[in-house]
Amino acid sequence: SAHAKKSLITDPNLSSRCRELLKVRKHKIKVKQKGVAMVRRIESLLEKTDIRKKTAIKKLDFILNRTNQELRLVSYQIDNLEEEIVRNGCPGIRI
């Protein structure tokens, strides 16, 4: 019985799967952080852009909307990864 518990915790398949999920989650979080920084820069550019430069404002607005869409997608992917990490019962993981 004690051996069975030990083998569950140190199961190489579980730990490699957990490592992979955590690696992907870490990458997605970095992507999200970069996206948030980009949104801030675009918003700042929009505030500083002369109102008469309609083409520039239109392009910046398009890029802002596209970036926000990507951020929503990445956030959704992070949520799904976190749920999968919890479902897999990865040991010692705090989310």
Protein backbone atom coordinates (compact mmCIF):
# COMPACT_ATOMS: atom_id res chain seq x y z
CA SER A 1 0.00 0.00 0.00
CA ALA A 2 2.79 2.43 0.89
CA HIS A 3 4.56 1.43 -2.33
CA ALA A 4 1.38 2.12 -4.35
CA LYS A 5 1.12 5.67 -2.96
CA LYS A 6 4.77 6.35 -3.69
CA SER A 7 4.45 5.15 -7.28
CA LEU A 8 1.41 7.41 -7.85
CA ILE A 9 3.29 10.51 -6.76
CA THR A 10 6.47 9.71 -8.71
CA ASP A 11 4.71 8.35 -11.80
CA PRO A 12 6.94 9.68 -14.64
CA ASN A 13 4.00 10.04 -17.03
CA LEU A 14 2.05 12.22 -14.61
CA SER A 15 5.02 14.38 -13.73
CA SER A 16 6.09 14.83 -17.37
CA ARG A 17 2.51 15.78 -18.30
CA CYS A 18 2.37 18.23 -15.39
CA ARG A 19 5.72 19.71 -16.41
CA GLU A 20 4.49 20.17 -19.98
CA LEU A 21 1.22 21.79 -18.86
CA LEU A 22 3.11 24.16 -16.55
CA LYS A 23 5.59 25.01 -19.30
CA VAL A 24 2.78 25.86 -21.73
CA ARG A 25 0.96 27.88 -19.04
CA LYS A 26 4.12 29.84 -18.24
CA HIS A 27 4.57 30.64 -21.96
CA LYS A 28 0.94 31.74 -22.33
CA ILE A 29 1.25 34.01 -19.28
CA LYS A 30 4.31 35.67 -20.85
CA VAL A 31 2.37 36.15 -24.10
CA LYS A 32 -0.51 37.68 -22.13
CA GLN A 33 1.83 40.07 -20.28
CA LYS A 34 3.36 41.20 -23.59
CA GLY A 35 -0.12 41.69 -25.02
CA VAL A 36 -1.22 43.81 -22.06
CA ALA A 37 1.90 45.97 -22.47
CA MET A 38 1.15 46.32 -26.19
CA VAL A 39 -2.43 47.40 -25.49
CA ARG A 40 -1.12 50.09 -23.14
CA ARG A 41 1.33 51.36 -25.78
CA ILE A 42 -1.37 51.43 -28.46
CA GLU A 43 -3.78 53.28 -26.16
CA SER A 44 -1.03 55.78 -25.37
CA LEU A 45 -0.35 56.28 -29.08
CA LEU A 46 -4.06 56.78 -29.73
CA GLU A 47 -4.19 59.49 -27.06
CA LYS A 48 -1.15 61.27 -28.53
CA THR A 49 -2.18 60.98 -32.18
CA ASP A 50 -3.57 64.13 -33.75
CA ILE A 51 -7.32 63.77 -34.26
CA ARG A 52 -6.88 64.87 -37.89
CA LYS A 53 -4.76 61.79 -38.68
CA LYS A 54 -7.78 59.60 -39.32
CA THR A 55 -5.89 56.84 -41.16
CA ALA A 56 -3.37 56.43 -38.33
CA ILE A 57 -6.16 56.38 -35.74
CA LYS A 58 -8.12 53.84 -37.79
CA LYS A 59 -5.08 51.55 -38.08
CA LEU A 60 -4.21 51.88 -34.39
CA ASP A 61 -7.82 51.16 -33.47
CA PHE A 62 -7.80 48.04 -35.66
CA ILE A 63 -4.54 46.84 -34.06
CA LEU A 64 -5.94 47.56 -30.59
CA ASN A 65 -9.10 45.53 -31.28
CA ARG A 66 -7.09 42.64 -32.75
CA THR A 67 -4.70 42.65 -29.77
CA ASN A 68 -7.61 42.65 -27.32
CA GLN A 69 -9.12 39.66 -29.16
CA GLU A 70 -5.81 37.81 -28.86
CA LEU A 71 -5.64 38.67 -25.15
CA ARG A 72 -9.11 37.23 -24.58
CA LEU A 73 -8.10 34.05 -26.42
CA VAL A 74 -4.87 33.67 -24.43
CA SER A 75 -6.74 34.28 -21.16
CA TYR A 76 -9.22 31.57 -22.12
CA GLN A 77 -6.36 29.20 -22.96
CA ILE A 78 -4.68 29.92 -19.61
CA ASP A 79 -7.95 29.20 -17.78
CA ASN A 80 -8.28 25.89 -19.65
CA LEU A 81 -4.69 24.95 -18.86
CA GLU A 82 -5.22 25.71 -15.18
CA GLU A 83 -8.34 23.55 -15.13
CA GLU A 84 -6.42 20.72 -16.78
CA ILE A 85 -3.58 21.08 -14.26
CA VAL A 86 -6.09 20.79 -11.41
CA ARG A 87 -7.85 17.83 -13.08
CA ASN A 88 -4.53 16.03 -13.55
CA GLY A 89 -3.82 16.53 -9.87
CA CYS A 90 -0.35 17.92 -10.42
CA PRO A 91 1.31 17.77 -6.99
CA GLY A 92 2.42 20.93 -5.22
CA ILE A 93 0.92 23.27 -7.82
CA ARG A 94 -0.47 26.60 -6.65
CA ILE A 95 -2.44 28.58 -9.22
